Amino acid sequence: MTGTPSPACHRRGRRRTLIAGGLAGAVALAWGLGGDPGAARRARSDPGAVGLLRAAADAARRVPYEGRRFLTTWNRGRSATSNVAAVHTPGDGVRYTSPAGAEGYLPDASAGDATGFTKRTLDLLTRNYTVVRKPDAAILGRRACVVEARRQDGTIAGRFWLDAETGLMLHRELIDATGHPVITSGFTEISFAVPAAGAAPRPGRTRGSAVDAPAVTEAPGAAGAEAESPTSANAAPNSSATSILEVPLDARALDGLKRRGWPVPDRLPGHLTLFDARREAGGAVHLSYSDGLASVSVFVQRGDLQSGAMSGWTKVARRGRTVFCRESLRRWAVTAAGGYVYTVLTDAPQSTAEAVAFDLPRDPDPFWTRLARGARRLASAADPFK
C-alpha cells in the first residue's frame, strides 16, 4: 500500500540531514549491486531521505523493542534464511535467541550497525548512489517512510522501510541489476514496549556475527554451520561481522601493519572501500569493506592454508591461484599467499566473494624487482619531464 510521505517522516528527515556528495570512482560490483558516483554529480540525493537513514541508525540505539528478525540471501536462484528473536534495551544492547536456543549479543554502542548504516557507510552510500524518497507504505501494520538508493541508470539498488513513528528500520532489500532481490532483512513482528526485566537472554560472547567466523582462528566448520547463529539475522547487508574481543585499528596502526608487510588493501574489486579495521585477540586482522550497500569482510592472519582442512569446500583454481569456496546463508572464500591466509565473508552472491579472493595480494615481489621499481620512481622524481 502506498501513499504520500507523512509529516513525521518529513520532520525526521529535516532533523537528520546530510548533503550528498559525489567524488569517488565508478562502483560496479560483479553481481550488479554497484552504483556509479557519476550519478551523484548529475542527480543529487534528497537530503531529507539521507536524513531518514541517519535517523534510523540513531533509532536503533535509543528505541526499545521486542520482535523477530530475519535475514534472507539469494544466489543462483536459491535462497537461505535465518531467524532470531531480538530484544533491545536502550543503554544495554540487543540480545538474540535462535530457534535452537543459541544466544548472542550486540552492545548498545554498536546497535546502529543493525540498520546497515554507520556514518562512514552512509557517506559511501551517498557518494556512490542517488538516495531519494518514495511514497510512504505500510509494513507490519505500521506506516513507514520509504527510501531508495538508485544507480546511475535509475534502476533501484536498495530499498528501505523506516517506521514513521520511531524512525527504526523495519525492512530493507538489496536488489541486483536485473531487478531481483539478493539480500533482504528486517522484522517479521515487533513490539515497541519497554522489555521487561529478565526478558532478554543472557549476554552472549558475540557481537555482530562473530559466531559465524570461519577458519581465521580455527578450522572451518561444515557447510551451513552458521545457520544457527543467534546473530545471523541481525547482521545487516553492510554491517561488518565483528567480535567484542576485537580492538579497533586507527590509521596509524594500519600504517604500521603495512610497513611490517601486512596486506591491507584500501580498495577491493567494484571499488569496495575499506571503512573499518580491527585486530582479533588471536592476532588476525579483520578488514571491513563497503560501497554503502554491499559489504565484505576480509580476515587476514599469518600462516599457511592447510588444504586438508578444507574438506567439503569447493576448490576453484584460476590465474595461478587456488580459492576454496562455500555457500550457505553467507558466502565464503578462503585463499593464501605470501605467508598469509585470507578469509572472505559476505552476504553477497558467491561471485563477489570469489572476485575479492582472487584479487587479494599475492606473493610479495622478489627483492630485485622491488629495488628496480624504487630506482625508477627516484629517477622519475629527479626528472619531472620523464
Protein backbone atom coordinates (compact mmCIF):
# COMPACT_ATOMS: atom_id res chain seq x y z
CA MET A 1 0.00 0.00 0.00
CA THR A 2 1.42 3.38 -0.92
CA GLY A 3 0.53 6.94 -0.11
CA THR A 4 2.05 10.36 0.46
CA PRO A 5 5.02 10.97 2.77
CA SER A 6 3.86 11.53 6.34
CA PRO A 7 4.62 14.74 8.28
CA ALA A 8 6.53 12.68 10.85
CA CYS A 9 8.85 11.41 8.13
CA HIS A 10 9.40 14.93 6.81
CA ARG A 11 10.23 16.27 10.27
CA ARG A 12 12.67 13.45 11.00
CA GLY A 13 14.33 13.90 7.63
CA ARG A 14 14.84 17.62 8.27
CA ARG A 15 16.33 16.97 11.69
CA ARG A 16 18.82 14.44 10.33
CA THR A 17 20.11 16.00 7.11
CA LEU A 18 23.27 15.04 5.29
CA ILE A 19 24.09 16.65 1.95
CA ALA A 20 25.21 14.05 -0.57
CA GLY A 21 28.46 14.40 -2.46
CA GLY A 22 29.97 12.65 -5.46
CA LEU A 23 33.76 12.25 -5.56
CA ALA A 24 34.62 8.54 -5.86
CA GLY A 25 35.37 6.50 -8.95
CA ALA A 26 32.76 4.28 -10.57
CA VAL A 27 31.42 1.43 -8.47
CA ALA A 28 30.17 -1.72 -10.15
CA LEU A 29 30.08 -4.95 -8.16
CA ALA A 30 30.38 -8.16 -10.10
CA TRP A 31 26.88 -9.18 -9.03
CA GLY A 32 25.20 -5.97 -10.15
CA LEU A 33 24.54 -4.02 -6.94
CA GLY A 34 27.08 -1.33 -7.71
CA GLY A 35 26.21 2.29 -8.22
CA ASP A 36 28.10 4.97 -10.10
CA PRO A 37 29.38 8.14 -8.40
CA GLY A 38 28.89 9.97 -11.69
CA ALA A 39 25.18 9.76 -10.93
CA ALA A 40 25.68 11.70 -7.71
CA ARG A 41 27.05 14.59 -9.76
CA ARG A 42 24.07 14.56 -12.12
CA ALA A 43 21.31 13.59 -9.66
CA ARG A 44 21.86 14.88 -6.15
CA SER A 45 20.48 12.83 -3.30
CA ASP A 46 17.49 14.14 -1.37
CA PRO A 47 18.88 15.48 1.95
CA GLY A 48 15.65 14.52 3.70
CA ALA A 49 15.94 10.92 2.51
CA VAL A 50 19.54 10.70 3.67
CA GLY A 51 18.49 12.22 6.99
CA LEU A 52 15.95 9.45 7.46
CA LEU A 53 18.66 6.81 7.05
CA ARG A 54 20.89 8.61 9.53
CA ALA A 55 17.98 8.82 11.98
CA ALA A 56 17.41 5.06 11.58
CA ALA A 57 20.92 4.33 12.85
CA ASP A 58 20.22 6.56 15.87
CA ALA A 59 16.81 4.93 16.46
CA ALA A 60 18.45 1.50 16.63
CA ARG A 61 20.26 2.68 19.78
CA ARG A 62 17.50 4.64 21.52
CA VAL A 63 14.23 2.77 20.69
CA PRO A 64 13.26 -0.21 22.90
CA TYR A 65 11.68 -3.16 21.12
CA GLU A 66 11.00 -6.88 21.14
CA GLY A 67 10.45 -8.86 17.99
CA ARG A 68 11.68 -11.39 15.48
CA ARG A 69 14.30 -10.59 12.84
CA PHE A 70 15.23 -12.43 9.66
CA LEU A 71 17.96 -12.42 7.03
CA THR A 72 17.42 -13.97 3.60
CA THR A 73 20.07 -14.20 0.89
CA TRP A 74 19.67 -15.39 -2.71
CA ASN A 75 22.27 -16.85 -5.04
CA ARG A 76 21.84 -18.67 -8.36
CA GLY A 77 18.10 -18.98 -7.84
CA ARG A 78 18.41 -20.45 -4.34
CA SER A 79 17.71 -18.77 -1.02
CA ALA A 80 18.70 -19.29 2.62
CA THR A 81 17.04 -17.70 5.66
CA SER A 82 17.94 -17.26 9.33
CA ASN A 83 15.51 -16.12 12.05
CA VAL A 84 16.13 -14.90 15.61
CA ALA A 85 14.19 -13.38 18.48
CA ALA A 86 15.56 -9.91 19.29
CA VAL A 87 15.17 -7.74 22.40
CA HIS A 88 16.64 -4.24 22.61
CA THR A 89 17.01 -2.35 25.88
CA PRO A 90 18.45 1.17 25.39
CA GLY A 91 21.67 1.58 27.33
CA ASP A 92 22.21 -2.16 27.43
CA GLY A 93 22.15 -3.66 23.95
CA VAL A 94 20.39 -6.18 21.75
CA ARG A 95 20.05 -9.80 22.83
CA TYR A 96 19.29 -12.57 20.36
CA THR A 97 17.98 -16.09 20.66
CA SER A 98 17.90 -18.55 17.76
CA PRO A 99 15.16 -21.18 17.33
CA ALA A 100 17.66 -23.74 18.67
CA GLY A 101 18.21 -21.69 21.82
CA ALA A 102 21.65 -20.27 20.99
CA GLU A 103 22.20 -16.75 22.33
CA GLY A 104 24.01 -13.69 21.02
CA TYR A 105 24.58 -10.09 21.98
CA LEU A 106 25.21 -6.73 20.28
CA PRO A 107 26.40 -3.92 22.58
CA ASP A 108 24.27 -0.78 22.57
CA ALA A 109 27.20 1.27 21.31
CA SER A 110 27.06 -0.79 18.11
CA ALA A 111 23.29 -1.28 17.85
CA GLY A 112 23.16 1.15 14.93
CA ASP A 113 25.05 -1.44 12.88
CA ALA A 114 21.82 -3.44 12.73
CA THR A 115 20.44 -0.85 10.29
CA GLY A 116 23.35 -1.48 7.94
CA PHE A 117 24.50 2.13 8.24
CA THR A 118 27.21 3.90 10.17
CA LYS A 119 28.45 7.42 9.44
CA ARG A 120 31.16 6.03 7.18
CA THR A 121 28.96 3.65 5.21
CA LEU A 122 26.27 6.32 4.86
CA ASP A 123 28.93 8.60 3.37
CA LEU A 124 29.82 5.82 0.92
CA LEU A 125 26.15 5.33 0.04
CA THR A 126 25.64 8.99 -0.85
CA ARG A 127 28.93 9.02 -2.74
CA ASN A 128 28.05 6.02 -4.90
CA TYR A 129 24.27 6.17 -5.25
CA THR A 130 21.43 8.66 -5.51
CA VAL A 131 19.18 8.47 -2.42
CA VAL A 132 15.55 9.51 -2.86
CA ARG A 133 12.21 9.47 -1.02
CA LYS A 134 9.29 7.41 -2.26
CA PRO A 135 5.64 7.46 -1.17
CA ASP A 136 5.04 6.04 2.29
CA ALA A 137 3.86 2.45 2.63
CA ALA A 138 2.50 0.10 5.29
CA ILE A 139 4.56 -2.76 6.73
CA LEU A 140 3.85 -4.88 9.82
CA GLY A 141 0.66 -2.85 10.15
CA ARG A 142 2.65 0.38 10.64
CA ARG A 143 3.16 3.40 8.45
CA ALA A 144 6.67 3.51 7.03
CA CYS A 145 8.78 6.10 5.23
CA VAL A 146 10.30 4.53 2.10
CA VAL A 147 13.78 5.44 0.82
CA GLU A 148 15.51 4.12 -2.30
CA ALA A 149 19.13 4.06 -3.45
CA ARG A 150 19.46 4.26 -7.24
CA ARG A 151 22.21 3.59 -9.73
CA GLN A 152 23.30 5.95 -12.49
CA ASP A 153 20.82 4.42 -14.93
CA GLY A 154 17.97 5.00 -12.48
CA THR A 155 17.49 1.35 -11.51
CA ILE A 156 16.93 0.54 -7.85
CA ALA A 157 19.88 -0.90 -5.89
CA GLY A 158 18.35 -0.72 -2.40
CA ARG A 159 15.01 -0.02 -0.74
CA PHE A 160 14.39 0.75 2.94
CA TRP A 161 11.22 0.91 5.06
CA LEU A 162 11.61 3.17 8.14
CA ASP A 163 9.00 3.30 10.88
CA ALA A 164 7.28 6.70 10.63
CA GLU A 165 6.79 6.98 14.40
CA THR A 166 10.13 5.78 15.81
CA GLY A 167 12.49 6.03 12.83
CA LEU A 168 13.60 2.41 13.27
CA MET A 169 14.42 0.46 10.09
CA LEU A 170 11.77 -2.27 9.75
CA HIS A 171 12.76 -3.82 6.42
CA ARG A 172 15.41 -3.49 3.72
CA GLU A 173 16.14 -5.01 0.33
CA LEU A 174 19.26 -5.02 -1.81
CA ILE A 175 18.44 -5.53 -5.48
CA ASP A 176 20.63 -6.62 -8.39
CA ALA A 177 20.79 -5.03 -11.83
CA THR A 178 18.09 -7.39 -13.14
CA GLY A 179 15.61 -6.18 -10.53
CA HIS A 180 15.75 -9.27 -8.31
CA PRO A 181 16.45 -9.09 -4.55
CA VAL A 182 19.73 -10.61 -3.41
CA ILE A 183 19.51 -9.72 0.29
CA THR A 184 16.50 -8.88 2.46
CA SER A 185 16.45 -8.36 6.21
CA GLY A 186 14.22 -6.88 8.88
CA PHE A 187 11.44 -7.76 11.28
CA THR A 188 8.61 -10.24 10.87
CA GLU A 189 6.98 -8.95 14.07
CA ILE A 190 7.80 -6.15 16.50
CA SER A 191 6.56 -4.51 19.69
CA PHE A 192 7.85 -1.17 20.97
CA ALA A 193 7.07 -1.83 24.62
CA VAL A 194 9.96 -1.45 27.05
CA PRO A 195 11.31 -5.00 27.59
CA ALA A 196 10.52 -6.47 31.00
CA ALA A 197 13.42 -7.15 33.33
CA GLY A 198 14.89 -10.54 32.56
CA ALA A 199 13.08 -10.78 29.23
CA ALA A 200 16.31 -10.73 27.27
CA PRO A 201 18.64 -13.71 27.11
CA ARG A 202 21.94 -13.52 28.97
CA PRO A 203 24.76 -11.64 27.23
CA GLY A 204 26.44 -13.83 24.65
CA ARG A 205 30.09 -13.76 23.74
CA THR A 206 29.46 -12.39 20.27
CA ARG A 207 28.92 -9.06 18.61
CA GLY A 208 27.52 -8.89 15.11
CA SER A 209 28.05 -12.32 13.56
CA ALA A 210 31.42 -13.28 15.01
CA VAL A 211 29.99 -16.69 15.87
CA ASP A 212 29.90 -17.24 12.10
CA ALA A 213 33.61 -16.55 11.66
CA PRO A 214 35.49 -19.09 9.51
CA ALA A 215 38.98 -20.52 9.70
CA VAL A 216 40.59 -17.31 10.86
CA THR A 217 41.42 -18.68 14.29
CA GLU A 218 40.13 -22.21 13.93
CA ALA A 219 39.40 -24.79 11.27
CA PRO A 220 36.39 -24.07 9.03
CA GLY A 221 33.14 -25.65 10.10
CA ALA A 222 30.84 -27.74 7.99
CA ALA A 223 28.76 -26.05 5.31
CA GLY A 224 25.70 -24.40 6.72
CA ALA A 225 27.04 -24.32 10.26
CA GLU A 226 26.31 -20.63 10.65
CA ALA A 227 22.58 -21.08 10.08
CA GLU A 228 22.02 -21.48 13.82
CA SER A 229 23.94 -18.34 14.76
CA PRO A 230 21.77 -16.22 17.06
CA THR A 231 23.13 -13.07 15.46
CA SER A 232 22.88 -14.14 11.83
CA ALA A 233 19.58 -12.41 11.22
CA ASN A 234 20.83 -9.29 12.91
CA ALA A 235 23.72 -8.75 10.54
CA ALA A 236 22.60 -6.19 8.01
CA PRO A 237 23.99 -6.41 4.48
CA ASN A 238 26.73 -3.92 5.08
CA SER A 239 27.39 -4.36 8.75
CA SER A 240 30.71 -5.98 9.50
CA ALA A 241 30.96 -9.33 11.23
CA THR A 242 32.91 -8.31 14.30
CA SER A 243 33.68 -9.63 17.76
CA ILE A 244 33.55 -7.87 21.11
CA LEU A 245 37.12 -9.14 21.58
CA GLU A 246 38.38 -7.19 18.57
CA VAL A 247 40.40 -4.00 19.05
CA PRO A 248 39.75 -1.12 16.58
CA LEU A 249 42.75 -0.07 14.49
CA ASP A 250 43.21 3.60 13.63
CA ALA A 251 45.06 4.98 10.60
CA ARG A 252 48.40 4.98 12.42
CA ALA A 253 48.03 1.35 13.48
CA LEU A 254 47.06 0.34 9.94
CA ASP A 255 50.07 2.17 8.53
CA GLY A 256 52.27 0.29 10.98
CA LEU A 257 50.86 -3.04 9.80
CA LYS A 258 51.52 -2.10 6.18
CA ARG A 259 55.13 -1.15 6.97
CA ARG A 260 55.60 -4.56 8.58
CA GLY A 261 54.38 -6.22 5.39
CA TRP A 262 50.75 -6.97 6.26
CA PRO A 263 48.50 -6.92 3.17
CA VAL A 264 45.85 -4.23 3.83
CA PRO A 265 44.23 -3.16 0.53
CA ASP A 266 42.41 0.16 0.65
CA ARG A 267 40.01 -0.99 -2.08
CA LEU A 268 38.68 -4.24 -3.50
CA PRO A 269 37.05 -5.08 -6.84
CA GLY A 270 33.98 -2.99 -7.55
CA HIS A 271 35.66 -0.12 -5.65
CA LEU A 272 34.60 -1.51 -2.31
CA THR A 273 36.28 0.81 0.19
CA LEU A 274 37.94 -0.06 3.48
CA PHE A 275 35.90 1.60 6.24
CA ASP A 276 36.83 -0.32 9.39
CA ALA A 277 39.76 -2.41 10.65
CA ARG A 278 40.18 -4.40 13.87
CA ARG A 279 42.69 -6.77 15.46
CA GLU A 280 41.43 -10.01 16.96
CA ALA A 281 42.70 -11.46 20.22
CA GLY A 282 44.34 -14.29 18.26
CA GLY A 283 46.29 -11.86 16.07
CA ALA A 284 44.13 -11.93 12.93
CA VAL A 285 43.26 -8.62 11.27
CA HIS A 286 39.62 -8.04 10.31
CA LEU A 287 39.11 -5.61 7.40
CA SER A 288 35.59 -4.36 6.51
CA TYR A 289 34.76 -3.00 3.04
CA SER A 290 31.59 -1.43 1.62
CA ASP A 291 30.26 0.69 -1.21
CA GLY A 292 27.43 1.86 1.04
CA LEU A 293 25.10 -1.05 0.28
CA ALA A 294 27.13 -4.22 -0.13
CA SER A 295 29.64 -5.35 2.48
CA VAL A 296 32.61 -7.69 2.50
CA SER A 297 34.70 -8.77 5.49
CA VAL A 298 38.27 -9.97 4.91
CA PHE A 299 40.12 -11.73 7.75
CA VAL A 300 43.92 -11.79 7.39
CA GLN A 301 46.22 -13.91 9.52
CA ARG A 302 49.78 -15.16 9.32
CA GLY A 303 50.26 -18.78 8.34
CA ASP A 304 49.77 -21.29 5.56
CA LEU A 305 46.48 -22.75 4.41
CA GLN A 306 46.18 -26.46 5.08
CA SER A 307 44.13 -27.77 2.14
CA GLY A 308 43.37 -30.93 4.09
CA ALA A 309 41.26 -28.85 6.48
CA MET A 310 39.05 -27.67 3.60
CA SER A 311 37.15 -30.91 3.12
CA GLY A 312 33.65 -30.16 1.84
CA TRP A 313 34.65 -26.82 0.31
CA THR A 314 34.63 -26.20 -3.46
CA LYS A 315 38.10 -25.73 -4.93
CA VAL A 316 38.47 -23.13 -7.69
CA ALA A 317 41.81 -22.58 -9.47
CA ARG A 318 42.36 -19.59 -11.72
CA ARG A 319 45.28 -17.37 -12.76
CA GLY A 320 47.72 -19.42 -10.73
CA ARG A 321 45.69 -19.10 -7.54
CA THR A 322 43.54 -21.56 -5.60
CA VAL A 323 40.44 -20.41 -3.71
CA PHE A 324 38.22 -22.60 -1.52
CA CYS A 325 34.55 -21.58 -1.58
CA ARG A 326 31.43 -22.37 0.42
CA GLU A 327 27.83 -21.20 0.08
CA SER A 328 25.06 -21.19 2.66
CA LEU A 329 23.37 -18.24 4.33
CA ARG A 330 26.62 -16.37 3.71
CA ARG A 331 29.34 -16.82 1.11
CA TRP A 332 32.90 -17.75 2.00
CA ALA A 333 36.15 -17.76 0.04
CA VAL A 334 39.50 -18.76 1.54
CA THR A 335 42.92 -18.42 -0.09
CA ALA A 336 46.55 -17.89 0.91
CA ALA A 337 49.67 -16.16 -0.40
CA GLY A 338 52.96 -14.76 0.88
CA GLY A 339 52.65 -16.31 4.32
CA TYR A 340 49.11 -15.00 4.95
CA VAL A 341 45.71 -16.71 4.93
CA TYR A 342 42.71 -14.69 3.72
CA THR A 343 39.10 -15.50 4.60
CA VAL A 344 36.40 -13.57 2.73
CA LEU A 345 32.87 -13.38 4.18
CA THR A 346 29.88 -11.65 2.57
CA ASP A 347 26.10 -11.79 2.24
CA ALA A 348 26.50 -11.05 -1.47
CA PRO A 349 26.39 -13.80 -4.11
CA GLN A 350 29.35 -16.13 -4.41
CA SER A 351 30.74 -14.31 -7.45
CA THR A 352 31.57 -11.34 -5.22
CA ALA A 353 33.38 -13.47 -2.63
CA GLU A 354 35.40 -15.18 -5.37
CA ALA A 355 36.24 -11.92 -7.18
CA VAL A 356 37.58 -10.44 -3.95
CA ALA A 357 39.58 -13.57 -3.05
CA PHE A 358 41.24 -13.75 -6.47
CA ASP A 359 42.15 -10.06 -6.29
CA LEU A 360 43.79 -10.13 -2.85
CA PRO A 361 47.59 -9.58 -2.69
CA ARG A 362 49.71 -12.46 -3.91
CA ASP A 363 53.27 -13.43 -3.01
CA PRO A 364 55.44 -10.37 -2.38
CA ASP A 365 57.63 -9.19 -5.26
CA PRO A 366 61.20 -10.52 -5.26
CA PHE A 367 63.78 -8.16 -3.72
CA TRP A 368 65.40 -7.17 -7.02
CA THR A 369 62.03 -6.39 -8.62
CA ARG A 370 61.11 -4.05 -5.77
CA LEU A 371 64.59 -2.44 -5.91
CA ALA A 372 64.27 -1.77 -9.63
CA ARG A 373 60.80 -0.27 -9.17
CA GLY A 374 62.13 2.04 -6.45
CA ALA A 375 65.01 3.16 -8.65
CA ARG A 376 62.57 4.04 -11.45
CA ARG A 377 60.48 6.13 -9.05
CA LEU A 378 63.57 8.03 -7.86
CA ALA A 379 64.61 8.73 -11.44
CA SER A 380 61.13 9.98 -12.28
CA ALA A 381 61.15 12.30 -9.27
CA ALA A 382 64.54 13.70 -10.30
CA ASP A 383 63.35 14.37 -13.85
CA PRO A 384 59.71 15.59 -13.80
CA PHE A 385 59.60 15.63 -17.61
CA LYS A 386 60.11 11.86 -17.91
